[in-house]
Amino acid sequence: MENNSVFEEFEVKNNFARRRSLLPVWIKIFVWFFLIGGSVATVLLMAGLFLNKVDLSLYGITATHPYTLTGFLLSILLIYKGIVAYGLWFEQKWAPQTAVIDAIVGIAICIIMMAVIPFTVPNISFTIRLELIPLYFYLQKMKQIRKNWENL
């Protein structure tokens, strides 16, 4: 027999699921890396005038100072990844969609750095970007959990 109470809407139900539980462990680990990386990139942009040399690298792009074009691009990428990591860790509704965009941008940059830049810039050699492997799985996982995430 079903217990229908007038006060049913006020009763505490223990079927609450966290959005964070949809994330696999490997993504949770990367979330922490990029939370830290985004914070460091923000500090580097603020303290860039006082620094002589800072080595930045992501997706095959390297820079030695945050106030160069490539350094600024890398800082913006790291800050964006930090924002995505924040959204995933603190279970924001917009997080999976921004994570999909993050993965697509990462894959595009890796392909450009692997297949276009080495053949157009003489001092950059061809390298296989292994970041494509986790980026592909990251993209697939974020696409897979996007609907469940938004409905929780």
N, C-alpha and C. Protein backbone atom coordinates (compact mmCIF):
# COMPACT_ATOMS: atom_id res chain seq x y z
N MET A 1 0.83 -1.17 0.00
CA MET A 1 0.00 0.00 0.00
C MET A 1 0.88 1.25 0.00
N GLU A 2 0.54 2.19 -0.81
CA GLU A 2 1.34 3.40 -0.97
C GLU A 2 0.98 4.41 0.12
N ASN A 3 1.99 5.06 0.66
CA ASN A 3 1.78 6.04 1.71
C ASN A 3 1.74 7.43 1.09
N ASN A 4 0.54 7.93 0.85
CA ASN A 4 0.37 9.28 0.30
C ASN A 4 0.03 10.23 1.43
N SER A 5 0.89 11.15 1.66
CA SER A 5 0.72 12.11 2.73
C SER A 5 0.49 13.48 2.14
N VAL A 6 -0.23 14.29 2.85
CA VAL A 6 -0.46 15.65 2.42
C VAL A 6 0.86 16.43 2.44
N PHE A 7 1.76 16.00 3.32
CA PHE A 7 3.05 16.68 3.48
C PHE A 7 4.18 15.97 2.72
N GLU A 8 3.85 15.19 1.71
CA GLU A 8 4.84 14.40 0.97
C GLU A 8 5.92 15.27 0.35
N GLU A 9 5.56 16.46 -0.12
CA GLU A 9 6.55 17.33 -0.76
C GLU A 9 7.59 17.86 0.22
N PHE A 10 7.29 17.81 1.52
CA PHE A 10 8.22 18.31 2.53
C PHE A 10 9.09 17.21 3.13
N GLU A 11 8.81 15.96 2.79
CA GLU A 11 9.58 14.86 3.34
C GLU A 11 10.94 14.79 2.68
N VAL A 12 11.94 14.42 3.45
CA VAL A 12 13.31 14.31 2.95
C VAL A 12 13.44 13.00 2.19
N LYS A 13 13.93 13.10 0.98
CA LYS A 13 14.15 11.90 0.16
C LYS A 13 15.64 11.71 -0.01
N ASN A 14 16.09 10.49 0.11
CA ASN A 14 17.52 10.18 0.04
C ASN A 14 17.95 9.68 -1.33
N ASN A 15 17.24 10.09 -2.37
CA ASN A 15 17.63 9.65 -3.70
C ASN A 15 18.38 10.74 -4.46
N PHE A 16 19.02 11.64 -3.73
CA PHE A 16 19.80 12.73 -4.34
C PHE A 16 21.09 12.17 -4.93
N ALA A 17 21.32 12.45 -6.19
CA ALA A 17 22.55 12.02 -6.86
C ALA A 17 23.36 13.25 -7.22
N ARG A 18 24.64 13.17 -7.01
CA ARG A 18 25.52 14.29 -7.35
C ARG A 18 25.91 14.19 -8.81
N ARG A 19 25.99 15.33 -9.45
CA ARG A 19 26.46 15.37 -10.83
C ARG A 19 27.90 14.88 -10.91
N ARG A 20 28.68 15.19 -9.91
CA ARG A 20 30.09 14.81 -9.89
C ARG A 20 30.25 13.29 -10.00
N SER A 21 29.27 12.54 -9.51
CA SER A 21 29.37 11.07 -9.57
C SER A 21 29.28 10.54 -11.00
N LEU A 22 28.86 11.37 -11.94
CA LEU A 22 28.83 10.96 -13.34
C LEU A 22 30.22 10.97 -13.98
N LEU A 23 31.16 11.67 -13.35
CA LEU A 23 32.51 11.78 -13.90
C LEU A 23 33.35 10.57 -13.50
N PRO A 24 34.07 9.98 -14.46
CA PRO A 24 35.00 8.90 -14.09
C PRO A 24 36.20 9.47 -13.33
N VAL A 25 36.92 8.60 -12.66
CA VAL A 25 38.04 9.00 -11.81
C VAL A 25 39.10 9.75 -12.61
N TRP A 26 39.41 9.31 -13.82
CA TRP A 26 40.48 9.95 -14.59
C TRP A 26 40.12 11.39 -14.94
N ILE A 27 38.84 11.69 -15.17
CA ILE A 27 38.45 13.07 -15.44
C ILE A 27 38.54 13.89 -14.15
N LYS A 28 38.17 13.29 -13.02
CA LYS A 28 38.29 14.00 -11.74
C LYS A 28 39.74 14.38 -11.45
N ILE A 29 40.67 13.50 -11.81
CA ILE A 29 42.09 13.80 -11.61
C ILE A 29 42.51 14.96 -12.50
N PHE A 30 42.12 14.92 -13.77
CA PHE A 30 42.45 16.01 -14.68
C PHE A 30 41.77 17.31 -14.27
N VAL A 31 40.59 17.23 -13.69
CA VAL A 31 39.90 18.43 -13.20
C VAL A 31 40.78 19.16 -12.20
N TRP A 32 41.39 18.42 -11.28
CA TRP A 32 42.27 19.04 -10.29
C TRP A 32 43.52 19.63 -10.93
N PHE A 33 44.10 18.91 -11.90
CA PHE A 33 45.26 19.46 -12.60
C PHE A 33 44.93 20.80 -13.25
N PHE A 34 43.77 20.87 -13.90
CA PHE A 34 43.43 22.10 -14.62
C PHE A 34 42.87 23.18 -13.71
N LEU A 35 42.32 22.83 -12.56
CA LEU A 35 41.98 23.86 -11.57
C LEU A 35 43.26 24.56 -11.12
N ILE A 36 44.28 23.77 -10.84
CA ILE A 36 45.56 24.33 -10.43
C ILE A 36 46.22 25.08 -11.59
N GLY A 37 46.21 24.47 -12.79
CA GLY A 37 46.82 25.10 -13.96
C GLY A 37 46.16 26.41 -14.34
N GLY A 38 44.83 26.48 -14.26
CA GLY A 38 44.13 27.72 -14.55
C GLY A 38 44.45 28.81 -13.54
N SER A 39 44.59 28.41 -12.28
CA SER A 39 44.96 29.37 -11.24
C SER A 39 46.38 29.89 -11.45
N VAL A 40 47.29 28.99 -11.77
CA VAL A 40 48.68 29.39 -12.01
C VAL A 40 48.77 30.31 -13.23
N ALA A 41 48.03 29.99 -14.29
CA ALA A 41 48.05 30.83 -15.49
C ALA A 41 47.53 32.23 -15.18
N THR A 42 46.51 32.32 -14.33
CA THR A 42 46.00 33.63 -13.94
C THR A 42 47.05 34.43 -13.18
N VAL A 43 47.73 33.77 -12.26
CA VAL A 43 48.80 34.43 -11.49
C VAL A 43 49.94 34.85 -12.42
N LEU A 44 50.29 33.98 -13.38
CA LEU A 44 51.37 34.32 -14.31
C LEU A 44 51.02 35.53 -15.17
N LEU A 45 49.76 35.63 -15.57
CA LEU A 45 49.37 36.81 -16.35
C LEU A 45 49.46 38.08 -15.51
N MET A 46 49.10 37.97 -14.24
CA MET A 46 49.16 39.16 -13.37
C MET A 46 50.60 39.52 -13.01
N ALA A 47 51.46 38.51 -12.84
CA ALA A 47 52.84 38.77 -12.40
C ALA A 47 53.83 38.74 -13.56
N GLY A 48 53.35 38.71 -14.78
CA GLY A 48 54.21 38.57 -15.95
C GLY A 48 55.25 39.65 -16.11
N LEU A 49 54.96 40.85 -15.68
CA LEU A 49 55.92 41.94 -15.79
C LEU A 49 57.16 41.71 -14.93
N PHE A 50 57.00 40.96 -13.86
CA PHE A 50 58.10 40.75 -12.91
C PHE A 50 58.88 39.46 -13.19
N LEU A 51 58.51 38.75 -14.23
CA LEU A 51 59.16 37.48 -14.53
C LEU A 51 60.02 37.59 -15.78
N ASN A 52 61.18 36.95 -15.73
CA ASN A 52 62.06 36.95 -16.90
C ASN A 52 61.74 35.81 -17.85
N LYS A 53 61.54 34.63 -17.30
CA LYS A 53 61.29 33.46 -18.14
C LYS A 53 60.32 32.53 -17.45
N VAL A 54 59.29 32.14 -18.17
CA VAL A 54 58.32 31.17 -17.69
C VAL A 54 58.07 30.21 -18.84
N ASP A 55 58.26 28.93 -18.60
CA ASP A 55 58.03 27.94 -19.64
C ASP A 55 56.57 27.47 -19.59
N LEU A 56 55.86 27.73 -20.67
CA LEU A 56 54.47 27.30 -20.81
C LEU A 56 54.38 26.36 -22.00
N SER A 57 53.59 25.31 -21.87
CA SER A 57 53.42 24.39 -22.97
C SER A 57 52.09 23.66 -22.84
N LEU A 58 51.39 23.56 -23.96
CA LEU A 58 50.13 22.84 -24.02
C LEU A 58 49.83 22.52 -25.48
N TYR A 59 49.46 21.29 -25.76
CA TYR A 59 49.09 20.85 -27.12
C TYR A 59 50.18 21.09 -28.15
N GLY A 60 51.42 21.11 -27.75
CA GLY A 60 52.52 21.32 -28.69
C GLY A 60 52.88 22.77 -28.89
N ILE A 61 52.17 23.68 -28.25
CA ILE A 61 52.48 25.10 -28.31
C ILE A 61 53.36 25.41 -27.10
N THR A 62 54.48 26.08 -27.33
CA THR A 62 55.35 26.44 -26.21
C THR A 62 55.62 27.94 -26.23
N ALA A 63 55.83 28.48 -25.04
CA ALA A 63 56.15 29.89 -24.89
C ALA A 63 57.07 30.04 -23.70
N THR A 64 57.87 31.11 -23.72
CA THR A 64 58.79 31.35 -22.61
C THR A 64 58.39 32.57 -21.78
N HIS A 65 57.30 33.22 -22.14
CA HIS A 65 56.83 34.36 -21.37
C HIS A 65 55.33 34.52 -21.60
N PRO A 66 54.56 34.86 -20.57
CA PRO A 66 53.11 34.99 -20.76
C PRO A 66 52.69 36.20 -21.59
N TYR A 67 53.60 37.16 -21.81
CA TYR A 67 53.24 38.35 -22.56
C TYR A 67 53.68 38.31 -24.01
N THR A 68 53.89 37.12 -24.55
CA THR A 68 54.07 36.96 -25.99
C THR A 68 52.73 36.50 -26.55
N LEU A 69 52.60 36.50 -27.85
CA LEU A 69 51.34 36.06 -28.47
C LEU A 69 51.03 34.61 -28.09
N THR A 70 52.03 33.74 -28.22
CA THR A 70 51.80 32.33 -27.87
C THR A 70 51.61 32.16 -26.36
N GLY A 71 52.33 32.93 -25.57
CA GLY A 71 52.16 32.86 -24.12
C GLY A 71 50.78 33.30 -23.69
N PHE A 72 50.27 34.36 -24.32
CA PHE A 72 48.92 34.83 -24.01
C PHE A 72 47.89 33.79 -24.43
N LEU A 73 48.08 33.19 -25.61
CA LEU A 73 47.17 32.14 -26.08
C LEU A 73 47.16 30.96 -25.12
N LEU A 74 48.34 30.53 -24.69
CA LEU A 74 48.44 29.42 -23.74
C LEU A 74 47.79 29.77 -22.40
N SER A 75 48.00 30.98 -21.94
CA SER A 75 47.39 31.40 -20.68
C SER A 75 45.87 31.39 -20.79
N ILE A 76 45.34 31.88 -21.89
CA ILE A 76 43.89 31.89 -22.10
C ILE A 76 43.36 30.46 -22.16
N LEU A 77 44.07 29.57 -22.87
CA LEU A 77 43.65 28.17 -22.92
C LEU A 77 43.65 27.52 -21.53
N LEU A 78 44.69 27.78 -20.76
CA LEU A 78 44.76 27.21 -19.41
C LEU A 78 43.68 27.79 -18.49
N ILE A 79 43.41 29.07 -18.62
CA ILE A 79 42.36 29.68 -17.81
C ILE A 79 41.00 29.11 -18.21
N TYR A 80 40.76 28.93 -19.51
CA TYR A 80 39.50 28.33 -19.96
C TYR A 80 39.36 26.91 -19.42
N LYS A 81 40.45 26.14 -19.48
CA LYS A 81 40.43 24.79 -18.92
C LYS A 81 40.16 24.82 -17.42
N GLY A 82 40.69 25.83 -16.73
CA GLY A 82 40.42 25.99 -15.32
C GLY A 82 38.95 26.31 -15.05
N ILE A 83 38.34 27.12 -15.90
CA ILE A 83 36.92 27.44 -15.76
C ILE A 83 36.07 26.19 -15.99
N VAL A 84 36.42 25.42 -17.01
CA VAL A 84 35.71 24.15 -17.26
C VAL A 84 35.86 23.21 -16.08
N ALA A 85 37.08 23.11 -15.55
CA ALA A 85 37.32 22.24 -14.39
C ALA A 85 36.51 22.70 -13.18
N TYR A 86 36.44 24.01 -12.97
CA TYR A 86 35.63 24.56 -11.89
C TYR A 86 34.17 24.15 -12.07
N GLY A 87 33.66 24.30 -13.29
CA GLY A 87 32.27 23.95 -13.57
C GLY A 87 31.98 22.48 -13.34
N LEU A 88 32.92 21.62 -13.74
CA LEU A 88 32.73 20.18 -13.53
C LEU A 88 32.80 19.82 -12.05
N TRP A 89 33.77 20.37 -11.35
CA TRP A 89 33.94 20.00 -9.94
C TRP A 89 32.80 20.52 -9.07
N PHE A 90 32.35 21.74 -9.35
CA PHE A 90 31.28 22.33 -8.55
C PHE A 90 29.91 22.15 -9.19
N GLU A 91 29.81 21.21 -10.13
CA GLU A 91 28.55 20.69 -10.68
C GLU A 91 27.66 21.76 -11.30
N GLN A 92 28.26 22.66 -12.05
CA GLN A 92 27.49 23.69 -12.74
C GLN A 92 26.77 23.09 -13.95
N LYS A 93 25.59 23.60 -14.24
CA LYS A 93 24.79 23.05 -15.32
C LYS A 93 25.47 23.22 -16.69
N TRP A 94 26.22 24.30 -16.86
CA TRP A 94 26.86 24.60 -18.14
C TRP A 94 28.15 23.81 -18.37
N ALA A 95 28.63 23.10 -17.39
CA ALA A 95 29.95 22.47 -17.45
C ALA A 95 30.13 21.45 -18.58
N PRO A 96 29.20 20.50 -18.79
CA PRO A 96 29.44 19.53 -19.87
C PRO A 96 29.52 20.16 -21.26
N GLN A 97 28.69 21.17 -21.50
CA GLN A 97 28.74 21.82 -22.81
C GLN A 97 30.06 22.55 -23.02
N THR A 98 30.55 23.24 -22.00
CA THR A 98 31.85 23.91 -22.13
C THR A 98 32.98 22.89 -22.20
N ALA A 99 32.80 21.73 -21.57
CA ALA A 99 33.81 20.67 -21.67
C ALA A 99 33.87 20.10 -23.08
N VAL A 100 32.72 19.98 -23.73
CA VAL A 100 32.70 19.51 -25.13
C VAL A 100 33.43 20.52 -26.01
N ILE A 101 33.17 21.80 -25.80
CA ILE A 101 33.87 22.85 -26.56
C ILE A 101 35.36 22.79 -26.29
N ASP A 102 35.73 22.60 -25.03
CA ASP A 102 37.14 22.48 -24.63
C ASP A 102 37.81 21.32 -25.35
N ALA A 103 37.14 20.18 -25.40
CA ALA A 103 37.72 19.00 -26.06
C ALA A 103 37.86 19.23 -27.56
N ILE A 104 36.87 19.83 -28.18
CA ILE A 104 36.93 20.09 -29.63
C ILE A 104 38.06 21.07 -29.95
N VAL A 105 38.18 22.12 -29.15
CA VAL A 105 39.27 23.09 -29.36
C VAL A 105 40.62 22.41 -29.17
N GLY A 106 40.75 21.58 -28.14
CA GLY A 106 42.00 20.85 -27.90
C GLY A 106 42.36 19.93 -29.04
N ILE A 107 41.38 19.20 -29.55
CA ILE A 107 41.62 18.30 -30.68
C ILE A 107 42.03 19.10 -31.91
N ALA A 108 41.33 20.20 -32.17
CA ALA A 108 41.66 21.04 -33.33
C ALA A 108 43.08 21.60 -33.23
N ILE A 109 43.45 22.09 -32.05
CA ILE A 109 44.80 22.64 -31.89
C ILE A 109 45.85 21.55 -32.06
N CYS A 110 45.60 20.37 -31.50
CA CYS A 110 46.56 19.26 -31.66
C CYS A 110 46.73 18.88 -33.12
N ILE A 111 45.63 18.82 -33.85
CA ILE A 111 45.71 18.46 -35.28
C ILE A 111 46.46 19.54 -36.05
N ILE A 112 46.19 20.80 -35.74
CA ILE A 112 46.90 21.89 -36.42
C ILE A 112 48.40 21.83 -36.09
N MET A 113 48.72 21.62 -34.84
CA MET A 113 50.13 21.56 -34.43
C MET A 113 50.83 20.31 -34.98
N MET A 114 50.06 19.28 -35.29
CA MET A 114 50.65 18.04 -35.77
C MET A 114 50.69 17.97 -37.30
N ALA A 115 49.65 18.48 -37.96
CA ALA A 115 49.54 18.26 -39.40
C ALA A 115 49.72 19.51 -40.25
N VAL A 116 49.68 20.69 -39.67
CA VAL A 116 49.78 21.90 -40.48
C VAL A 116 51.07 22.67 -40.18
N ILE A 117 51.28 23.00 -38.93
CA ILE A 117 52.41 23.86 -38.54
C ILE A 117 53.77 23.27 -38.92
N PRO A 118 54.04 21.97 -38.73
CA PRO A 118 55.37 21.46 -39.09
C PRO A 118 55.70 21.60 -40.58
N PHE A 119 54.69 21.68 -41.42
CA PHE A 119 54.93 21.77 -42.85
C PHE A 119 54.94 23.21 -43.36
N THR A 120 54.61 24.15 -42.46
CA THR A 120 54.61 25.55 -42.87
C THR A 120 55.67 26.37 -42.15
N VAL A 121 56.11 25.93 -40.98
CA VAL A 121 57.13 26.65 -40.21
C VAL A 121 58.39 25.78 -40.20
N PRO A 122 59.50 26.29 -40.71
CA PRO A 122 60.69 25.45 -40.88
C PRO A 122 61.35 24.96 -39.58
N ASN A 123 61.29 25.70 -38.50
CA ASN A 123 62.00 25.28 -37.29
C ASN A 123 61.15 24.42 -36.35
N ILE A 124 59.94 24.06 -36.74
CA ILE A 124 59.10 23.16 -35.94
C ILE A 124 59.01 21.83 -36.66
N SER A 125 59.36 20.76 -35.94
CA SER A 125 59.36 19.43 -36.56
C SER A 125 58.05 18.70 -36.26
N PHE A 126 57.78 17.69 -37.04
CA PHE A 126 56.58 16.88 -36.90
C PHE A 126 56.66 16.02 -35.65
N THR A 127 55.62 16.06 -34.84
CA THR A 127 55.51 15.17 -33.68
C THR A 127 54.08 14.67 -33.59
N ILE A 128 53.94 13.45 -33.16
CA ILE A 128 52.61 12.89 -32.95
C ILE A 128 52.12 13.37 -31.59
N ARG A 129 50.97 14.00 -31.57
CA ARG A 129 50.40 14.56 -30.34
C ARG A 129 49.59 13.47 -29.64
N LEU A 130 50.14 12.91 -28.58
CA LEU A 130 49.46 11.87 -27.83
C LEU A 130 48.30 12.41 -27.00
N GLU A 131 48.21 13.73 -26.84
CA GLU A 131 47.08 14.33 -26.13
C GLU A 131 45.76 14.03 -26.83
N LEU A 132 45.84 13.68 -28.11
CA LEU A 132 44.61 13.37 -28.84
C LEU A 132 43.86 12.18 -28.25
N ILE A 133 44.57 11.24 -27.68
CA ILE A 133 43.92 10.04 -27.13
C ILE A 133 43.02 10.39 -25.95
N PRO A 134 43.55 11.02 -24.89
CA PRO A 134 42.62 11.36 -23.80
C PRO A 134 41.58 12.41 -24.20
N LEU A 135 41.94 13.32 -25.12
CA LEU A 135 40.97 14.32 -25.57
C LEU A 135 39.78 13.67 -26.26
N TYR A 136 40.04 12.63 -27.06
CA TYR A 136 38.95 11.92 -27.74
C TYR A 136 38.02 11.28 -26.71
N PHE A 137 38.59 10.58 -25.73
CA PHE A 137 37.76 9.92 -24.71
C PHE A 137 37.03 10.95 -23.84
N TYR A 138 37.68 12.06 -23.58
CA TYR A 138 37.07 13.15 -22.83
C TYR A 138 35.85 13.70 -23.57
N LEU A 139 36.01 13.92 -24.87
CA LEU A 139 34.92 14.41 -25.70
C LEU A 139 33.75 13.42 -25.69
N GLN A 140 34.04 12.15 -25.89
CA GLN A 140 32.99 11.13 -25.91
C GLN A 140 32.26 11.04 -24.57
N LYS A 141 33.01 11.09 -23.48
CA LYS A 141 32.41 10.98 -22.15
C LYS A 141 31.54 12.20 -21.85
N MET A 142 32.00 13.38 -22.20
CA MET A 142 31.21 14.58 -21.94
C MET A 142 29.94 14.60 -22.78
N LYS A 143 30.01 14.13 -24.02
CA LYS A 143 28.81 14.01 -24.84
C LYS A 143 27.83 13.01 -24.22
N GLN A 144 28.38 11.94 -23.70
CA GLN A 144 27.56 10.86 -23.12
C GLN A 144 26.83 11.32 -21.85
N ILE A 145 27.49 12.06 -20.99
CA ILE A 145 26.86 12.42 -19.71
C ILE A 145 26.13 13.76 -19.74
N ARG A 146 26.19 14.48 -20.85
CA ARG A 146 25.62 15.83 -20.92
C ARG A 146 24.13 15.85 -20.55
N LYS A 147 23.33 14.97 -21.11
CA LYS A 147 21.89 14.97 -20.82
C LYS A 147 21.60 14.61 -19.38
N ASN A 148 22.27 13.57 -18.86
CA ASN A 148 22.05 13.19 -17.46
C ASN A 148 22.47 14.32 -16.52
N TRP A 149 23.58 14.98 -16.85
CA TRP A 149 24.10 16.07 -16.02
C TRP A 149 23.08 17.21 -15.95
N GLU A 150 22.52 17.58 -17.08
CA GLU A 150 21.60 18.70 -17.13
C GLU A 150 20.27 18.37 -16.44
N ASN A 151 19.89 17.08 -16.40
CA ASN A 151 18.63 16.69 -15.78
C ASN A 151 18.73 16.49 -14.28
N LEU A 152 19.95 16.41 -13.73
CA LEU A 152 20.08 16.24 -12.27
C LEU A 152 19.91 17.56 -11.57
